[in-house]
Amino acid sequence: MSTAKWMTILWPAFLAAGVLEVLVFGLIDPNDLHWQDAALPLSRQGVYTLAFVVFWLVAAASSAMTAVLGMSAEDVNR
């Protein structure tokens, strides 16, 4: 894939991850999160960073799937 194609996938995913970060952590305090009845071993900033990366990966996967589904059969089979 070309650089332009990657940017059309990653840039909207980055923006969507930013919006999700604001929405989720506007309602949830990272210090209140627990995993298996134990507090997370990450700082507040660490939780923000990890969540952003996860949100970005999920949104990028969605954008990539949309790009693949929008390709013609000839382009897919190259």
PDB file of N, CA and C in Angstrom:
ATOM      1  N   MET A   1       0.840  -1.191   0.000  1.00  0.00           N
ATOM      2  CA  MET A   1       0.000   0.000   0.000  1.00  0.00           C
ATOM      3  C   MET A   1       0.879   1.247   0.000  1.00  0.00           C
ATOM      4  N   SER A   2       0.371   2.265  -0.627  1.00  0.00           N
ATOM      5  CA  SER A   2       1.129   3.509  -0.698  1.00  0.00           C
ATOM      6  C   SER A   2       1.028   4.296   0.609  1.00  0.00           C
ATOM      7  N   THR A   3       1.923   5.257   0.756  1.00  0.00           N
ATOM      8  CA  THR A   3       1.914   6.113   1.942  1.00  0.00           C
ATOM      9  C   THR A   3       0.613   6.888   2.045  1.00  0.00           C
ATOM     10  N   ALA A   4       0.120   7.354   0.906  1.00  0.00           N
ATOM     11  CA  ALA A   4      -1.146   8.104   0.908  1.00  0.00           C
ATOM     12  C   ALA A   4      -2.299   7.235   1.398  1.00  0.00           C
ATOM     13  N   LYS A   5      -2.302   5.969   1.010  1.00  0.00           N
ATOM     14  CA  LYS A   5      -3.364   5.050   1.441  1.00  0.00           C
ATOM     15  C   LYS A   5      -3.284   4.832   2.961  1.00  0.00           C
ATOM     16  N   TRP A   6      -2.041   4.658   3.468  1.00  0.00           N
ATOM     17  CA  TRP A   6      -1.877   4.479   4.924  1.00  0.00           C
ATOM     18  C   TRP A   6      -2.367   5.709   5.684  1.00  0.00           C
ATOM     19  N   MET A   7      -2.066   6.885   5.134  1.00  0.00           N
ATOM     20  CA  MET A   7      -2.483   8.119   5.811  1.00  0.00           C
ATOM     21  C   MET A   7      -4.007   8.269   5.814  1.00  0.00           C
ATOM     22  N   THR A   8      -4.677   7.794   4.753  1.00  0.00           N
ATOM     23  CA  THR A   8      -6.141   7.866   4.739  1.00  0.00           C
ATOM     24  C   THR A   8      -6.755   6.891   5.730  1.00  0.00           C
ATOM     25  N   ILE A   9      -5.976   5.924   6.165  1.00  0.00           N
ATOM     26  CA  ILE A   9      -6.444   4.989   7.194  1.00  0.00           C
ATOM     27  C   ILE A   9      -6.073   5.489   8.588  1.00  0.00           C
ATOM     28  N   LEU A  10      -4.817   5.890   8.775  1.00  0.00           N
ATOM     29  CA  LEU A  10      -4.332   6.214  10.125  1.00  0.00           C
ATOM     30  C   LEU A  10      -4.769   7.584  10.639  1.00  0.00           C
ATOM     31  N   TRP A  11      -4.871   8.583   9.773  1.00  0.00           N
ATOM     32  CA  TRP A  11      -5.236   9.916  10.253  1.00  0.00           C
ATOM     33  C   TRP A  11      -6.661   9.966  10.809  1.00  0.00           C
ATOM     34  N   PRO A  12      -7.686   9.474  10.088  1.00  0.00           N
ATOM     35  CA  PRO A  12      -9.024   9.471  10.692  1.00  0.00           C
ATOM     36  C   PRO A  12      -9.089   8.609  11.955  1.00  0.00           C
ATOM     37  N   ALA A  13      -8.317   7.518  11.983  1.00  0.00           N
ATOM     38  CA  ALA A  13      -8.285   6.669  13.172  1.00  0.00           C
ATOM     39  C   ALA A  13      -7.682   7.425  14.356  1.00  0.00           C
ATOM     40  N   PHE A  14      -6.655   8.220  14.100  1.00  0.00           N
ATOM     41  CA  PHE A  14      -6.037   9.036  15.142  1.00  0.00           C
ATOM     42  C   PHE A  14      -7.047  10.039  15.708  1.00  0.00           C
ATOM     43  N   LEU A  15      -7.774  10.694  14.821  1.00  0.00           N
ATOM     44  CA  LEU A  15      -8.782  11.663  15.271  1.00  0.00           C
ATOM     45  C   LEU A  15      -9.900  10.981  16.066  1.00  0.00           C
ATOM     46  N   ALA A  16     -10.341   9.817  15.589  1.00  0.00           N
ATOM     47  CA  ALA A  16     -11.383   9.075  16.301  1.00  0.00           C
ATOM     48  C   ALA A  16     -10.889   8.635  17.682  1.00  0.00           C
ATOM     49  N   ALA A  17      -9.632   8.204  17.776  1.00  0.00           N
ATOM     50  CA  ALA A  17      -9.061   7.803  19.070  1.00  0.00           C
ATOM     51  C   ALA A  17      -9.024   8.985  20.031  1.00  0.00           C
ATOM     52  N   GLY A  18      -8.699  10.166  19.519  1.00  0.00           N
ATOM     53  CA  GLY A  18      -8.703  11.362  20.367  1.00  0.00           C
ATOM     54  C   GLY A  18     -10.084  11.675  20.905  1.00  0.00           C
ATOM     55  N   VAL A  19     -11.083  11.567  20.048  1.00  0.00           N
ATOM     56  CA  VAL A  19     -12.464  11.818  20.482  1.00  0.00           C
ATOM     57  C   VAL A  19     -12.891  10.774  21.510  1.00  0.00           C
ATOM     58  N   LEU A  20     -12.588   9.508  21.262  1.00  0.00           N
ATOM     59  CA  LEU A  20     -12.930   8.454  22.218  1.00  0.00           C
ATOM     60  C   LEU A  20     -12.245   8.668  23.564  1.00  0.00           C
ATOM     61  N   GLU A  21     -10.990   9.090  23.509  1.00  0.00           N
ATOM     62  CA  GLU A  21     -10.240   9.354  24.750  1.00  0.00           C
ATOM     63  C   GLU A  21     -10.953  10.421  25.588  1.00  0.00           C
ATOM     64  N   VAL A  22     -11.356  11.495  24.944  1.00  0.00           N
ATOM     65  CA  VAL A  22     -12.046  12.577  25.651  1.00  0.00           C
ATOM     66  C   VAL A  22     -13.387  12.087  26.204  1.00  0.00           C
ATOM     67  N   LEU A  23     -14.137  11.358  25.402  1.00  0.00           N
ATOM     68  CA  LEU A  23     -15.447  10.875  25.853  1.00  0.00           C
ATOM     69  C   LEU A  23     -15.336   9.883  27.007  1.00  0.00           C
ATOM     70  N   VAL A  24     -14.444   8.911  26.870  1.00  0.00           N
ATOM     71  CA  VAL A  24     -14.320   7.878  27.904  1.00  0.00           C
ATOM     72  C   VAL A  24     -13.777   8.458  29.203  1.00  0.00           C
ATOM     73  N   PHE A  25     -12.689   9.215  29.117  1.00  0.00           N
ATOM     74  CA  PHE A  25     -12.065   9.692  30.348  1.00  0.00           C
ATOM     75  C   PHE A  25     -12.681  10.985  30.857  1.00  0.00           C
ATOM     76  N   GLY A  26     -13.664  11.501  30.149  1.00  0.00           N
ATOM     77  CA  GLY A  26     -14.493  12.560  30.703  1.00  0.00           C
ATOM     78  C   GLY A  26     -15.487  11.991  31.709  1.00  0.00           C
ATOM     79  N   LEU A  27     -15.733  10.681  31.600  1.00  0.00           N
ATOM     80  CA  LEU A  27     -16.688  10.014  32.486  1.00  0.00           C
ATOM     81  C   LEU A  27     -16.022   9.088  33.500  1.00  0.00           C
ATOM     82  N   ILE A  28     -14.823   8.612  33.197  1.00  0.00           N
ATOM     83  CA  ILE A  28     -14.158   7.613  34.041  1.00  0.00           C
ATOM     84  C   ILE A  28     -12.812   8.149  34.521  1.00  0.00           C
ATOM     85  N   ASP A  29     -12.552   8.003  35.789  1.00  0.00           N
ATOM     86  CA  ASP A  29     -11.237   8.364  36.349  1.00  0.00           C
ATOM     87  C   ASP A  29     -10.330   7.135  36.260  1.00  0.00           C
ATOM     88  N   PRO A  30      -9.172   7.245  35.642  1.00  0.00           N
ATOM     89  CA  PRO A  30      -8.277   6.093  35.512  1.00  0.00           C
ATOM     90  C   PRO A  30      -7.888   5.463  36.848  1.00  0.00           C
ATOM     91  N   ASN A  31      -7.866   6.236  37.917  1.00  0.00           N
ATOM     92  CA  ASN A  31      -7.522   5.668  39.225  1.00  0.00           C
ATOM     93  C   ASN A  31      -8.621   4.780  39.779  1.00  0.00           C
ATOM     94  N   ASP A  32      -9.821   4.860  39.221  1.00  0.00           N
ATOM     95  CA  ASP A  32     -10.931   4.017  39.673  1.00  0.00           C
ATOM     96  C   ASP A  32     -10.992   2.685  38.933  1.00  0.00           C
ATOM     97  N   LEU A  33     -10.135   2.480  37.945  1.00  0.00           N
ATOM     98  CA  LEU A  33     -10.143   1.250  37.164  1.00  0.00           C
ATOM     99  C   LEU A  33      -9.409   0.144  37.918  1.00  0.00           C
ATOM    100  N   HIS A  34      -9.958  -1.067  37.843  1.00  0.00           N
ATOM    101  CA  HIS A  34      -9.368  -2.236  38.494  1.00  0.00           C
ATOM    102  C   HIS A  34      -9.348  -3.396  37.522  1.00  0.00           C
ATOM    103  N   TRP A  35      -8.347  -4.279  37.666  1.00  0.00           N
ATOM    104  CA  TRP A  35      -8.247  -5.481  36.855  1.00  0.00           C
ATOM    105  C   TRP A  35      -8.131  -6.659  37.809  1.00  0.00           C
ATOM    106  N   GLN A  36      -9.106  -7.555  37.795  1.00  0.00           N
ATOM    107  CA  GLN A  36      -9.165  -8.716  38.679  1.00  0.00           C
ATOM    108  C   GLN A  36      -9.048  -8.300  40.142  1.00  0.00           C
ATOM    109  N   ASP A  37      -9.877  -7.377  40.541  1.00  0.00           N
ATOM    110  CA  ASP A  37      -9.978  -6.873  41.919  1.00  0.00           C
ATOM    111  C   ASP A  37      -8.699  -6.211  42.440  1.00  0.00           C
ATOM    112  N   ALA A  38      -7.816  -5.790  41.553  1.00  0.00           N
ATOM    113  CA  ALA A  38      -6.599  -5.084  41.956  1.00  0.00           C
ATOM    114  C   ALA A  38      -6.491  -3.806  41.131  1.00  0.00           C
ATOM    115  N   ALA A  39      -5.940  -2.784  41.760  1.00  0.00           N
ATOM    116  CA  ALA A  39      -5.751  -1.520  41.048  1.00  0.00           C
ATOM    117  C   ALA A  39      -4.747  -1.722  39.910  1.00  0.00           C
ATOM    118  N   LEU A  40      -4.923  -0.986  38.855  1.00  0.00           N
ATOM    119  CA  LEU A  40      -3.997  -1.087  37.730  1.00  0.00           C
ATOM    120  C   LEU A  40      -2.609  -0.600  38.148  1.00  0.00           C
ATOM    121  N   PRO A  41      -1.564  -1.282  37.695  1.00  0.00           N
ATOM    122  CA  PRO A  41      -0.202  -0.885  38.088  1.00  0.00           C
ATOM    123  C   PRO A  41       0.356   0.251  37.227  1.00  0.00           C
ATOM    124  N   LEU A  42      -0.512   1.026  36.623  1.00  0.00           N
ATOM    125  CA  LEU A  42      -0.097   2.131  35.765  1.00  0.00           C
ATOM    126  C   LEU A  42      -0.480   3.463  36.390  1.00  0.00           C
ATOM    127  N   SER A  43       0.277   4.472  36.050  1.00  0.00           N
ATOM    128  CA  SER A  43      -0.098   5.822  36.477  1.00  0.00           C
ATOM    129  C   SER A  43      -1.299   6.276  35.661  1.00  0.00           C
ATOM    130  N   ARG A  44      -1.870   7.391  36.058  1.00  0.00           N
ATOM    131  CA  ARG A  44      -2.997   7.953  35.324  1.00  0.00           C
ATOM    132  C   ARG A  44      -2.591   8.213  33.864  1.00  0.00           C
ATOM    133  N   GLN A  45      -1.409   8.787  33.663  1.00  0.00           N
ATOM    134  CA  GLN A  45      -0.932   9.063  32.308  1.00  0.00           C
ATOM    135  C   GLN A  45      -0.702   7.764  31.528  1.00  0.00           C
ATOM    136  N   GLY A  46      -0.239   6.734  32.200  1.00  0.00           N
ATOM    137  CA  GLY A  46      -0.049   5.436  31.555  1.00  0.00           C
ATOM    138  C   GLY A  46      -1.362   4.845  31.067  1.00  0.00           C
ATOM    139  N   VAL A  47      -2.411   4.986  31.863  1.00  0.00           N
ATOM    140  CA  VAL A  47      -3.734   4.503  31.453  1.00  0.00           C
ATOM    141  C   VAL A  47      -4.225   5.295  30.255  1.00  0.00           C
ATOM    142  N   TYR A  48      -4.051   6.612  30.276  1.00  0.00           N
ATOM    143  CA  TYR A  48      -4.451   7.442  29.135  1.00  0.00           C
ATOM    144  C   TYR A  48      -3.717   6.996  27.867  1.00  0.00           C
ATOM    145  N   THR A  49      -2.420   6.763  27.991  1.00  0.00           N
ATOM    146  CA  THR A  49      -1.609   6.385  26.834  1.00  0.00           C
ATOM    147  C   THR A  49      -2.012   5.020  26.292  1.00  0.00           C
ATOM    148  N   LEU A  50      -2.141   4.049  27.174  1.00  0.00           N
ATOM    149  CA  LEU A  50      -2.523   2.704  26.754  1.00  0.00           C
ATOM    150  C   LEU A  50      -3.909   2.707  26.117  1.00  0.00           C
ATOM    151  N   ALA A  51      -4.845   3.413  26.712  1.00  0.00           N
ATOM    152  CA  ALA A  51      -6.197   3.487  26.157  1.00  0.00           C
ATOM    153  C   ALA A  51      -6.178   4.156  24.785  1.00  0.00           C
ATOM    154  N   PHE A  52      -5.406   5.216  24.632  1.00  0.00           N
ATOM    155  CA  PHE A  52      -5.339   5.892  23.339  1.00  0.00           C
ATOM    156  C   PHE A  52      -4.811   4.952  22.267  1.00  0.00           C
ATOM    157  N   VAL A  53      -3.756   4.204  22.578  1.00  0.00           N
ATOM    158  CA  VAL A  53      -3.188   3.273  21.600  1.00  0.00           C
ATOM    159  C   VAL A  53      -4.210   2.198  21.226  1.00  0.00           C
ATOM    160  N   VAL A  54      -4.924   1.669  22.206  1.00  0.00           N
ATOM    161  CA  VAL A  54      -5.950   0.660  21.923  1.00  0.00           C
ATOM    162  C   VAL A  54      -7.063   1.260  21.072  1.00  0.00           C
ATOM    163  N   PHE A  55      -7.536   2.452  21.426  1.00  0.00           N
ATOM    164  CA  PHE A  55      -8.572   3.109  20.634  1.00  0.00           C
ATOM    165  C   PHE A  55      -8.081   3.338  19.208  1.00  0.00           C
ATOM    166  N   TRP A  56      -6.829   3.760  19.054  1.00  0.00           N
ATOM    167  CA  TRP A  56      -6.273   4.036  17.737  1.00  0.00           C
ATOM    168  C   TRP A  56      -6.186   2.752  16.904  1.00  0.00           C
ATOM    169  N   LEU A  57      -5.744   1.656  17.510  1.00  0.00           N
ATOM    170  CA  LEU A  57      -5.648   0.387  16.791  1.00  0.00           C
ATOM    171  C   LEU A  57      -7.013  -0.117  16.335  1.00  0.00           C
ATOM    172  N   VAL A  58      -8.010  -0.006  17.199  1.00  0.00           N
ATOM    173  CA  VAL A  58      -9.358  -0.449  16.835  1.00  0.00           C
ATOM    174  C   VAL A  58      -9.924   0.412  15.706  1.00  0.00           C
ATOM    175  N   ALA A  59      -9.758   1.714  15.814  1.00  0.00           N
ATOM    176  CA  ALA A  59     -10.250   2.602  14.765  1.00  0.00           C
ATOM    177  C   ALA A  59      -9.479   2.395  13.459  1.00  0.00           C
ATOM    178  N   ALA A  60      -8.177   2.143  13.532  1.00  0.00           N
ATOM    179  CA  ALA A  60      -7.380   1.875  12.330  1.00  0.00           C
ATOM    180  C   ALA A  60      -7.812   0.575  11.665  1.00  0.00           C
ATOM    181  N   ALA A  61      -8.108  -0.440  12.463  1.00  0.00           N
ATOM    182  CA  ALA A  61      -8.594  -1.700  11.903  1.00  0.00           C
ATOM    183  C   ALA A  61      -9.923  -1.488  11.186  1.00  0.00           C
ATOM    184  N   SER A  62     -10.779  -0.679  11.772  1.00  0.00           N
ATOM    185  CA  SER A  62     -12.055  -0.370  11.137  1.00  0.00           C
ATOM    186  C   SER A  62     -11.846   0.394   9.829  1.00  0.00           C
ATOM    187  N   SER A  63     -10.968   1.384   9.840  1.00  0.00           N
ATOM    188  CA  SER A  63     -10.684   2.152   8.622  1.00  0.00           C
ATOM    189  C   SER A  63     -10.036   1.271   7.553  1.00  0.00           C
ATOM    190  N   ALA A  64      -9.145   0.399   7.951  1.00  0.00           N
ATOM    191  CA  ALA A  64      -8.494  -0.497   6.994  1.00  0.00           C
ATOM    192  C   ALA A  64      -9.504  -1.456   6.372  1.00  0.00           C
ATOM    193  N   MET A  65     -10.414  -1.962   7.172  1.00  0.00           N
ATOM    194  CA  MET A  65     -11.442  -2.857   6.648  1.00  0.00           C
ATOM    195  C   MET A  65     -12.329  -2.122   5.649  1.00  0.00           C
ATOM    196  N   THR A  66     -12.651  -0.870   5.944  1.00  0.00           N
ATOM    197  CA  THR A  66     -13.436  -0.073   5.011  1.00  0.00           C
ATOM    198  C   THR A  66     -12.670   0.134   3.710  1.00  0.00           C
ATOM    199  N   ALA A  67     -11.360   0.396   3.801  1.00  0.00           N
ATOM    200  CA  ALA A  67     -10.540   0.577   2.600  1.00  0.00           C
ATOM    201  C   ALA A  67     -10.488  -0.702   1.766  1.00  0.00           C
ATOM    202  N   VAL A  68     -10.341  -1.843   2.418  1.00  0.00           N
ATOM    203  CA  VAL A  68     -10.285  -3.116   1.699  1.00  0.00           C
ATOM    204  C   VAL A  68     -11.634  -3.422   1.047  1.00  0.00           C
ATOM    205  N   LEU A  69     -12.708  -3.199   1.769  1.00  0.00           N
ATOM    206  CA  LEU A  69     -14.029  -3.482   1.207  1.00  0.00           C
ATOM    207  C   LEU A  69     -14.387  -2.537   0.071  1.00  0.00           C
ATOM    208  N   GLY A  70     -13.764  -1.364   0.027  1.00  0.00           N
ATOM    209  CA  GLY A  70     -14.023  -0.419  -1.045  1.00  0.00           C
ATOM    210  C   GLY A  70     -13.184  -0.649  -2.285  1.00  0.00           C
ATOM    211  N   MET A  71     -12.260  -1.610  -2.235  1.00  0.00           N
ATOM    212  CA  MET A  71     -11.393  -1.905  -3.381  1.00  0.00           C
ATOM    213  C   MET A  71     -12.125  -2.790  -4.383  1.00  0.00           C
ATOM    214  N   SER A  72     -11.740  -2.661  -5.643  1.00  0.00           N
ATOM    215  CA  SER A  72     -12.318  -3.533  -6.668  1.00  0.00           C
ATOM    216  C   SER A  72     -11.671  -4.907  -6.564  1.00  0.00           C
ATOM    217  N   ALA A  73     -12.296  -5.897  -7.182  1.00  0.00           N
ATOM    218  CA  ALA A  73     -11.778  -7.264  -7.147  1.00  0.00           C
ATOM    219  C   ALA A  73     -10.404  -7.344  -7.803  1.00  0.00           C
ATOM    220  N   GLU A  74     -10.184  -6.543  -8.851  1.00  0.00           N
ATOM    221  CA  GLU A  74      -8.889  -6.554  -9.517  1.00  0.00           C
ATOM    222  C   GLU A  74      -7.786  -6.035  -8.597  1.00  0.00           C
ATOM    223  N   ASP A  75      -8.098  -4.982  -7.831  1.00  0.00           N
ATOM    224  CA  ASP A  75      -7.110  -4.432  -6.904  1.00  0.00           C
ATOM    225  C   ASP A  75      -6.792  -5.389  -5.775  1.00  0.00           C
ATOM    226  N   VAL A  76      -7.790  -6.105  -5.285  1.00  0.00           N
ATOM    227  CA  VAL A  76      -7.585  -7.062  -4.192  1.00  0.00           C
ATOM    228  C   VAL A  76      -6.726  -8.239  -4.658  1.00  0.00           C
ATOM    229  N   ASN A  77      -6.934  -8.675  -5.886  1.00  0.00           N
ATOM    230  CA  ASN A  77      -6.253  -9.875  -6.390  1.00  0.00           C
ATOM    231  C   ASN A  77      -4.879  -9.598  -6.999  1.00  0.00           C
ATOM    232  N   ARG A  78      -4.369  -8.405  -6.901  1.00  0.00           N
ATOM    233  CA  ARG A  78      -3.023  -8.102  -7.425  1.00  0.00           C
ATOM    234  C   ARG A  78      -1.948  -8.702  -6.581  1.00  0.00           C
TER     235      ARG A  78
END
